[in-house]
């Protein structure tokens, strides 16, 4: 007999959950298309800036490590610039 009560309570809880989700979704204010495009552009620009920053830092630290290993800092940076 206790199993029937637990099952009924489970399904009631699930039903209540979906009713509350529907109620909360009605309160959501979605961004306009212009806001979405603007925010996407901001994210893309930020990602490119971080990528360039990381490439510069990688180049600098790579040159330092090559300079320590090779013993000539000037040569290690000029070698890194030649393709």
PDB file of N, CA and C in Angstrom:
ATOM      1  N   UNK A   1       0.816  -1.186   0.000  1.00  0.00           N
ATOM      2  CA  UNK A   1       0.000   0.000   0.000  1.00  0.00           C
ATOM      3  C   UNK A   1       0.863   1.255   0.000  1.00  0.00           C
ATOM      4  N   UNK A   2       2.002   1.223   0.691  1.00  0.00           N
ATOM      5  CA  UNK A   2       2.891   2.366   0.746  1.00  0.00           C
ATOM      6  C   UNK A   2       3.495   2.699  -0.611  1.00  0.00           C
ATOM      7  N   UNK A   3       3.632   1.675  -1.474  1.00  0.00           N
ATOM      8  CA  UNK A   3       4.214   1.906  -2.797  1.00  0.00           C
ATOM      9  C   UNK A   3       3.311   2.779  -3.651  1.00  0.00           C
ATOM     10  N   UNK A   4       2.003   2.612  -3.553  1.00  0.00           N
ATOM     11  CA  UNK A   4       1.074   3.414  -4.344  1.00  0.00           C
ATOM     12  C   UNK A   4       1.140   4.880  -3.945  1.00  0.00           C
ATOM     13  N   UNK A   5       1.314   5.151  -2.680  1.00  0.00           N
ATOM     14  CA  UNK A   5       1.398   6.532  -2.205  1.00  0.00           C
ATOM     15  C   UNK A   5       2.683   7.175  -2.734  1.00  0.00           C
ATOM     16  N   UNK A   6       3.784   6.437  -2.681  1.00  0.00           N
ATOM     17  CA  UNK A   6       5.050   6.977  -3.181  1.00  0.00           C
ATOM     18  C   UNK A   6       4.985   7.251  -4.675  1.00  0.00           C
ATOM     19  N   UNK A   7       4.391   6.357  -5.449  1.00  0.00           N
ATOM     20  CA  UNK A   7       4.282   6.568  -6.891  1.00  0.00           C
ATOM     21  C   UNK A   7       3.402   7.768  -7.195  1.00  0.00           C
ATOM     22  N   UNK A   8       2.302   7.896  -6.500  1.00  0.00           N
ATOM     23  CA  UNK A   8       1.407   9.034  -6.729  1.00  0.00           C
ATOM     24  C   UNK A   8       2.118  10.330  -6.373  1.00  0.00           C
ATOM     25  N   UNK A   9       2.844  10.329  -5.280  1.00  0.00           N
ATOM     26  CA  UNK A   9       3.573  11.534  -4.889  1.00  0.00           C
ATOM     27  C   UNK A   9       4.664  11.875  -5.898  1.00  0.00           C
ATOM     28  N   UNK A  10       5.315  10.864  -6.451  1.00  0.00           N
ATOM     29  CA  UNK A  10       6.359  11.091  -7.450  1.00  0.00           C
ATOM     30  C   UNK A  10       5.768  11.762  -8.688  1.00  0.00           C
ATOM     31  N   UNK A  11       4.683  11.221  -9.205  1.00  0.00           N
ATOM     32  CA  UNK A  11       4.091  11.781 -10.412  1.00  0.00           C
ATOM     33  C   UNK A  11       3.492  13.160 -10.153  1.00  0.00           C
ATOM     34  N   UNK A  12       2.971  13.373  -8.964  1.00  0.00           N
ATOM     35  CA  UNK A  12       2.474  14.701  -8.610  1.00  0.00           C
ATOM     36  C   UNK A  12       3.633  15.698  -8.552  1.00  0.00           C
ATOM     37  N   UNK A  13       4.764  15.265  -8.012  1.00  0.00           N
ATOM     38  CA  UNK A  13       5.926  16.147  -7.926  1.00  0.00           C
ATOM     39  C   UNK A  13       6.457  16.486  -9.317  1.00  0.00           C
ATOM     40  N   UNK A  14       6.489  15.491 -10.194  1.00  0.00           N
ATOM     41  CA  UNK A  14       6.948  15.740 -11.560  1.00  0.00           C
ATOM     42  C   UNK A  14       5.992  16.696 -12.271  1.00  0.00           C
ATOM     43  N   UNK A  15       4.700  16.468 -12.101  1.00  0.00           N
ATOM     44  CA  UNK A  15       3.707  17.362 -12.713  1.00  0.00           C
ATOM     45  C   UNK A  15       3.837  18.779 -12.184  1.00  0.00           C
ATOM     46  N   UNK A  16       4.025  18.916 -10.884  1.00  0.00           N
ATOM     47  CA  UNK A  16       4.190  20.239 -10.277  1.00  0.00           C
ATOM     48  C   UNK A  16       5.443  20.918 -10.814  1.00  0.00           C
ATOM     49  N   UNK A  17       6.517  20.133 -10.984  1.00  0.00           N
ATOM     50  CA  UNK A  17       7.759  20.683 -11.514  1.00  0.00           C
ATOM     51  C   UNK A  17       7.551  21.295 -12.893  1.00  0.00           C
ATOM     52  N   UNK A  18       6.880  20.561 -13.783  1.00  0.00           N
ATOM     53  CA  UNK A  18       6.669  21.069 -15.140  1.00  0.00           C
ATOM     54  C   UNK A  18       5.720  22.264 -15.159  1.00  0.00           C
ATOM     55  N   UNK A  19       4.758  22.289 -14.277  1.00  0.00           N
ATOM     56  CA  UNK A  19       3.868  23.452 -14.181  1.00  0.00           C
ATOM     57  C   UNK A  19       4.667  24.682 -13.747  1.00  0.00           C
ATOM     58  N   UNK A  20       5.567  24.501 -12.778  1.00  0.00           N
ATOM     59  CA  UNK A  20       6.390  25.618 -12.319  1.00  0.00           C
ATOM     60  C   UNK A  20       7.372  26.072 -13.394  1.00  0.00           C
ATOM     61  N   UNK A  21       7.923  25.115 -14.151  1.00  0.00           N
ATOM     62  CA  UNK A  21       8.838  25.470 -15.241  1.00  0.00           C
ATOM     63  C   UNK A  21       8.103  26.306 -16.271  1.00  0.00           C
ATOM     64  N   UNK A  22       6.909  25.898 -16.631  1.00  0.00           N
ATOM     65  CA  UNK A  22       6.122  26.647 -17.609  1.00  0.00           C
ATOM     66  C   UNK A  22       5.818  28.050 -17.104  1.00  0.00           C
ATOM     67  N   UNK A  23       5.495  28.153 -15.819  1.00  0.00           N
ATOM     68  CA  UNK A  23       5.211  29.450 -15.222  1.00  0.00           C
ATOM     69  C   UNK A  23       6.438  30.357 -15.256  1.00  0.00           C
ATOM     70  N   UNK A  24       7.612  29.807 -14.937  1.00  0.00           N
ATOM     71  CA  UNK A  24       8.829  30.605 -14.937  1.00  0.00           C
ATOM     72  C   UNK A  24       9.246  30.997 -16.354  1.00  0.00           C
ATOM     73  N   UNK A  25       9.033  30.124 -17.322  1.00  0.00           N
ATOM     74  CA  UNK A  25       9.406  30.441 -18.704  1.00  0.00           C
ATOM     75  C   UNK A  25       8.580  31.590 -19.271  1.00  0.00           C
ATOM     76  N   UNK A  26       7.386  31.790 -18.743  1.00  0.00           N
ATOM     77  CA  UNK A  26       6.573  32.921 -19.177  1.00  0.00           C
ATOM     78  C   UNK A  26       7.161  34.245 -18.704  1.00  0.00           C
ATOM     79  N   UNK A  27       7.993  34.210 -17.667  1.00  0.00           N
ATOM     80  CA  UNK A  27       8.594  35.420 -17.111  1.00  0.00           C
ATOM     81  C   UNK A  27       9.890  35.809 -17.813  1.00  0.00           C
ATOM     82  N   UNK A  28      10.426  34.916 -18.637  1.00  0.00           N
ATOM     83  CA  UNK A  28      11.713  35.162 -19.282  1.00  0.00           C
ATOM     84  C   UNK A  28      11.566  36.257 -20.334  1.00  0.00           C
ATOM     85  N   UNK A  29      12.524  37.192 -20.331  1.00  0.00           N
ATOM     86  CA  UNK A  29      12.572  38.233 -21.349  1.00  0.00           C
ATOM     87  C   UNK A  29      13.722  37.882 -22.287  1.00  0.00           C
ATOM     88  N   UNK A  30      13.374  37.474 -23.495  1.00  0.00           N
ATOM     89  CA  UNK A  30      14.382  37.053 -24.448  1.00  0.00           C
ATOM     90  C   UNK A  30      14.995  38.264 -25.132  1.00  0.00           C
ATOM     91  N   UNK A  31      16.304  38.207 -25.468  1.00  0.00           N
ATOM     92  CA  UNK A  31      16.938  39.341 -26.154  1.00  0.00           C
ATOM     93  C   UNK A  31      16.428  39.473 -27.586  1.00  0.00           C
ATOM     94  N   UNK A  32      16.507  40.694 -28.079  1.00  0.00           N
ATOM     95  CA  UNK A  32      16.123  40.927 -29.469  1.00  0.00           C
ATOM     96  C   UNK A  32      17.219  40.387 -30.385  1.00  0.00           C
ATOM     97  N   UNK A  33      16.909  40.337 -31.683  1.00  0.00           N
ATOM     98  CA  UNK A  33      17.885  39.846 -32.644  1.00  0.00           C
ATOM     99  C   UNK A  33      19.116  40.751 -32.659  1.00  0.00           C
ATOM    100  N   UNK A  34      18.911  42.059 -32.584  1.00  0.00           N
ATOM    101  CA  UNK A  34      20.037  43.003 -32.590  1.00  0.00           C
ATOM    102  C   UNK A  34      20.924  42.796 -31.369  1.00  0.00           C
ATOM    103  N   UNK A  35      20.337  42.564 -30.205  1.00  0.00           N
ATOM    104  CA  UNK A  35      21.119  42.313 -29.003  1.00  0.00           C
ATOM    105  C   UNK A  35      21.919  41.012 -29.126  1.00  0.00           C
ATOM    106  N   UNK A  36      21.298  40.006 -29.713  1.00  0.00           N
ATOM    107  CA  UNK A  36      21.978  38.722 -29.890  1.00  0.00           C
ATOM    108  C   UNK A  36      23.177  38.866 -30.818  1.00  0.00           C
ATOM    109  N   UNK A  37      22.997  39.565 -31.927  1.00  0.00           N
ATOM    110  CA  UNK A  37      24.097  39.779 -32.879  1.00  0.00           C
ATOM    111  C   UNK A  37      25.197  40.596 -32.218  1.00  0.00           C
ATOM    112  N   UNK A  38      24.828  41.651 -31.485  1.00  0.00           N
ATOM    113  CA  UNK A  38      25.804  42.493 -30.812  1.00  0.00           C
ATOM    114  C   UNK A  38      26.613  41.696 -29.794  1.00  0.00           C
ATOM    115  N   UNK A  39      25.949  40.923 -28.978  1.00  0.00           N
ATOM    116  CA  UNK A  39      26.646  40.119 -27.974  1.00  0.00           C
ATOM    117  C   UNK A  39      27.548  39.070 -28.619  1.00  0.00           C
ATOM    118  N   UNK A  40      27.101  38.489 -29.732  1.00  0.00           N
ATOM    119  CA  UNK A  40      27.918  37.509 -30.441  1.00  0.00           C
ATOM    120  C   UNK A  40      29.185  38.160 -30.989  1.00  0.00           C
ATOM    121  N   UNK A  41      29.060  39.342 -31.543  1.00  0.00           N
ATOM    122  CA  UNK A  41      30.227  40.056 -32.071  1.00  0.00           C
ATOM    123  C   UNK A  41      31.208  40.395 -30.948  1.00  0.00           C
ATOM    124  N   UNK A  42      30.695  40.808 -29.808  1.00  0.00           N
ATOM    125  CA  UNK A  42      31.561  41.115 -28.668  1.00  0.00           C
ATOM    126  C   UNK A  42      32.343  39.871 -28.257  1.00  0.00           C
ATOM    127  N   UNK A  43      31.687  38.736 -28.208  1.00  0.00           N
ATOM    128  CA  UNK A  43      32.353  37.485 -27.822  1.00  0.00           C
ATOM    129  C   UNK A  43      33.418  37.106 -28.847  1.00  0.00           C
ATOM    130  N   UNK A  44      33.106  37.215 -30.130  1.00  0.00           N
ATOM    131  CA  UNK A  44      34.068  36.862 -31.177  1.00  0.00           C
ATOM    132  C   UNK A  44      35.293  37.765 -31.115  1.00  0.00           C
ATOM    133  N   UNK A  45      35.089  39.074 -30.957  1.00  0.00           N
ATOM    134  CA  UNK A  45      36.209  40.019 -30.869  1.00  0.00           C
ATOM    135  C   UNK A  45      37.062  39.706 -29.644  1.00  0.00           C
ATOM    136  N   UNK A  46      36.418  39.423 -28.528  1.00  0.00           N
ATOM    137  CA  UNK A  46      37.154  39.098 -27.303  1.00  0.00           C
ATOM    138  C   UNK A  46      37.973  37.830 -27.481  1.00  0.00           C
ATOM    139  N   UNK A  47      37.424  36.828 -28.126  1.00  0.00           N
ATOM    140  CA  UNK A  47      38.151  35.577 -28.363  1.00  0.00           C
ATOM    141  C   UNK A  47      39.370  35.819 -29.255  1.00  0.00           C
ATOM    142  N   UNK A  48      39.211  36.643 -30.291  1.00  0.00           N
ATOM    143  CA  UNK A  48      40.338  36.956 -31.178  1.00  0.00           C
ATOM    144  C   UNK A  48      41.418  37.709 -30.405  1.00  0.00           C
ATOM    145  N   UNK A  49      41.008  38.669 -29.571  1.00  0.00           N
ATOM    146  CA  UNK A  49      41.981  39.429 -28.777  1.00  0.00           C
ATOM    147  C   UNK A  49      42.751  38.512 -27.825  1.00  0.00           C
ATOM    148  N   UNK A  50      42.058  37.619 -27.161  1.00  0.00           N
ATOM    149  CA  UNK A  50      42.719  36.681 -26.251  1.00  0.00           C
ATOM    150  C   UNK A  50      43.656  35.759 -27.034  1.00  0.00           C
ATOM    151  N   UNK A  51      43.237  35.329 -28.228  1.00  0.00           N
ATOM    152  CA  UNK A  51      44.096  34.480 -29.058  1.00  0.00           C
ATOM    153  C   UNK A  51      45.379  35.186 -29.458  1.00  0.00           C
ATOM    154  N   UNK A  52      45.274  36.454 -29.858  1.00  0.00           N
ATOM    155  CA  UNK A  52      46.470  37.220 -30.236  1.00  0.00           C
ATOM    156  C   UNK A  52      47.368  37.410 -29.010  1.00  0.00           C
ATOM    157  N   UNK A  53      46.768  37.738 -27.875  1.00  0.00           N
ATOM    158  CA  UNK A  53      47.536  37.912 -26.643  1.00  0.00           C
ATOM    159  C   UNK A  53      48.284  36.631 -26.278  1.00  0.00           C
ATOM    160  N   UNK A  54      47.599  35.500 -26.364  1.00  0.00           N
ATOM    161  CA  UNK A  54      48.239  34.226 -26.031  1.00  0.00           C
ATOM    162  C   UNK A  54      49.356  33.888 -27.027  1.00  0.00           C
ATOM    163  N   UNK A  55      49.185  34.236 -28.296  1.00  0.00           N
ATOM    164  CA  UNK A  55      50.226  33.977 -29.290  1.00  0.00           C
ATOM    165  C   UNK A  55      51.467  34.816 -28.997  1.00  0.00           C
ATOM    166  N   UNK A  56      51.272  36.064 -28.616  1.00  0.00           N
ATOM    167  CA  UNK A  56      52.410  36.933 -28.289  1.00  0.00           C
ATOM    168  C   UNK A  56      53.138  36.412 -27.052  1.00  0.00           C
ATOM    169  N   UNK A  57      52.380  36.044 -26.025  1.00  0.00           N
ATOM    170  CA  UNK A  57      52.987  35.508 -24.809  1.00  0.00           C
ATOM    171  C   UNK A  57      53.731  34.212 -25.125  1.00  0.00           C
ATOM    172  N   UNK A  58      53.155  33.359 -25.958  1.00  0.00           N
ATOM    173  CA  UNK A  58      53.810  32.106 -26.346  1.00  0.00           C
ATOM    174  C   UNK A  58      55.113  32.391 -27.082  1.00  0.00           C
ATOM    175  N   UNK A  59      55.089  33.379 -27.983  1.00  0.00           N
ATOM    176  CA  UNK A  59      56.289  33.731 -28.729  1.00  0.00           C
ATOM    177  C   UNK A  59      57.392  34.224 -27.790  1.00  0.00           C
ATOM    178  N   UNK A  60      57.011  35.088 -26.840  1.00  0.00           N
ATOM    179  CA  UNK A  60      58.001  35.655 -25.914  1.00  0.00           C
ATOM    180  C   UNK A  60      58.598  34.553 -25.031  1.00  0.00           C
ATOM    181  N   UNK A  61      57.732  33.767 -24.383  1.00  0.00           N
ATOM    182  CA  UNK A  61      58.242  32.716 -23.497  1.00  0.00           C
ATOM    183  C   UNK A  61      58.973  31.624 -24.279  1.00  0.00           C
ATOM    184  N   UNK A  62      58.520  31.330 -25.488  1.00  0.00           N
ATOM    185  CA  UNK A  62      59.230  30.358 -26.322  1.00  0.00           C
ATOM    186  C   UNK A  62      60.626  30.849 -26.660  1.00  0.00           C
ATOM    187  N   UNK A  63      60.749  32.150 -26.962  1.00  0.00           N
ATOM    188  CA  UNK A  63      62.066  32.729 -27.245  1.00  0.00           C
ATOM    189  C   UNK A  63      62.966  32.687 -26.031  1.00  0.00           C
ATOM    190  N   UNK A  64      62.391  32.950 -24.864  1.00  0.00           N
ATOM    191  CA  UNK A  64      63.186  32.897 -23.631  1.00  0.00           C
ATOM    192  C   UNK A  64      63.697  31.476 -23.392  1.00  0.00           C
ATOM    193  N   UNK A  65      62.821  30.504 -23.544  1.00  0.00           N
ATOM    194  CA  UNK A  65      63.230  29.112 -23.327  1.00  0.00           C
ATOM    195  C   UNK A  65      64.273  28.695 -24.352  1.00  0.00           C
ATOM    196  N   UNK A  66      64.054  29.042 -25.625  1.00  0.00           N
ATOM    197  CA  UNK A  66      65.055  28.714 -26.646  1.00  0.00           C
ATOM    198  C   UNK A  66      66.380  29.413 -26.351  1.00  0.00           C
ATOM    199  N   UNK A  67      66.307  30.653 -25.847  1.00  0.00           N
ATOM    200  CA  UNK A  67      67.531  31.383 -25.505  1.00  0.00           C
ATOM    201  C   UNK A  67      68.284  30.722 -24.374  1.00  0.00           C
ATOM    202  N   UNK A  68      67.556  30.235 -23.390  1.00  0.00           N
ATOM    203  CA  UNK A  68      68.211  29.555 -22.268  1.00  0.00           C
ATOM    204  C   UNK A  68      68.824  28.242 -22.751  1.00  0.00           C
ATOM    205  N   UNK A  69      68.092  27.507 -23.567  1.00  0.00           N
ATOM    206  CA  UNK A  69      68.589  26.210 -24.029  1.00  0.00           C
ATOM    207  C   UNK A  69      69.760  26.398 -24.999  1.00  0.00           C
ATOM    208  N   UNK A  70      69.626  27.332 -25.948  1.00  0.00           N
ATOM    209  CA  UNK A  70      70.674  27.531 -26.961  1.00  0.00           C
ATOM    210  C   UNK A  70      71.799  28.427 -26.443  1.00  0.00           C
ATOM    211  N   UNK A  71      71.520  29.247 -25.457  1.00  0.00           N
ATOM    212  CA  UNK A  71      72.549  30.121 -24.904  1.00  0.00           C
ATOM    213  C   UNK A  71      72.681  31.447 -25.612  1.00  0.00           C
ATOM    214  N   UNK A  72      71.853  31.736 -26.611  1.00  0.00           N
ATOM    215  CA  UNK A  72      71.929  32.999 -27.345  1.00  0.00           C
ATOM    216  C   UNK A  72      70.511  33.530 -27.554  1.00  0.00           C
ATOM    217  N   UNK A  73      70.147  34.537 -26.769  1.00  0.00           N
ATOM    218  CA  UNK A  73      68.776  35.058 -26.831  1.00  0.00           C
ATOM    219  C   UNK A  73      68.483  35.735 -28.170  1.00  0.00           C
ATOM    220  N   UNK A  74      69.419  36.504 -28.673  1.00  0.00           N
ATOM    221  CA  UNK A  74      69.198  37.208 -29.938  1.00  0.00           C
ATOM    222  C   UNK A  74      68.960  36.249 -31.087  1.00  0.00           C
ATOM    223  N   UNK A  75      69.759  35.209 -31.168  1.00  0.00           N
ATOM    224  CA  UNK A  75      69.616  34.232 -32.243  1.00  0.00           C
ATOM    225  C   UNK A  75      68.304  33.459 -32.123  1.00  0.00           C
ATOM    226  N   UNK A  76      67.876  33.175 -30.897  1.00  0.00           N
ATOM    227  CA  UNK A  76      66.652  32.396 -30.729  1.00  0.00           C
ATOM    228  C   UNK A  76      65.431  33.179 -31.214  1.00  0.00           C
ATOM    229  N   UNK A  77      65.408  34.503 -30.979  1.00  0.00           N
ATOM    230  CA  UNK A  77      64.274  35.296 -31.447  1.00  0.00           C
ATOM    231  C   UNK A  77      64.312  35.505 -32.956  1.00  0.00           C
ATOM    232  N   UNK A  78      65.506  35.691 -33.523  1.00  0.00           N
ATOM    233  CA  UNK A  78      65.577  35.861 -34.973  1.00  0.00           C
ATOM    234  C   UNK A  78      65.247  34.559 -35.687  1.00  0.00           C
ATOM    235  N   UNK A  79      65.635  33.420 -35.106  1.00  0.00           N
ATOM    236  CA  UNK A  79      65.270  32.143 -35.694  1.00  0.00           C
ATOM    237  C   UNK A  79      63.765  31.918 -35.645  1.00  0.00           C
ATOM    238  N   UNK A  80      63.130  32.399 -34.613  1.00  0.00           N
ATOM    239  CA  UNK A  80      61.684  32.234 -34.484  1.00  0.00           C
ATOM    240  C   UNK A  80      60.944  33.068 -35.516  1.00  0.00           C
ATOM    241  N   UNK A  81      61.523  34.208 -35.927  1.00  0.00           N
ATOM    242  CA  UNK A  81      60.870  35.074 -36.902  1.00  0.00           C
ATOM    243  C   UNK A  81      61.028  34.598 -38.340  1.00  0.00           C
ATOM    244  N   UNK A  82      62.003  33.732 -38.600  1.00  0.00           N
ATOM    245  CA  UNK A  82      62.184  33.214 -39.966  1.00  0.00           C
ATOM    246  C   UNK A  82      61.272  32.021 -40.166  1.00  0.00           C
ATOM    247  N   UNK A  83      60.647  31.990 -41.291  1.00  0.00           N
ATOM    248  CA  UNK A  83      59.679  30.908 -41.586  1.00  0.00           C
ATOM    249  C   UNK A  83      60.268  29.953 -42.589  1.00  0.00           C
TER     250      UNK A  83
END
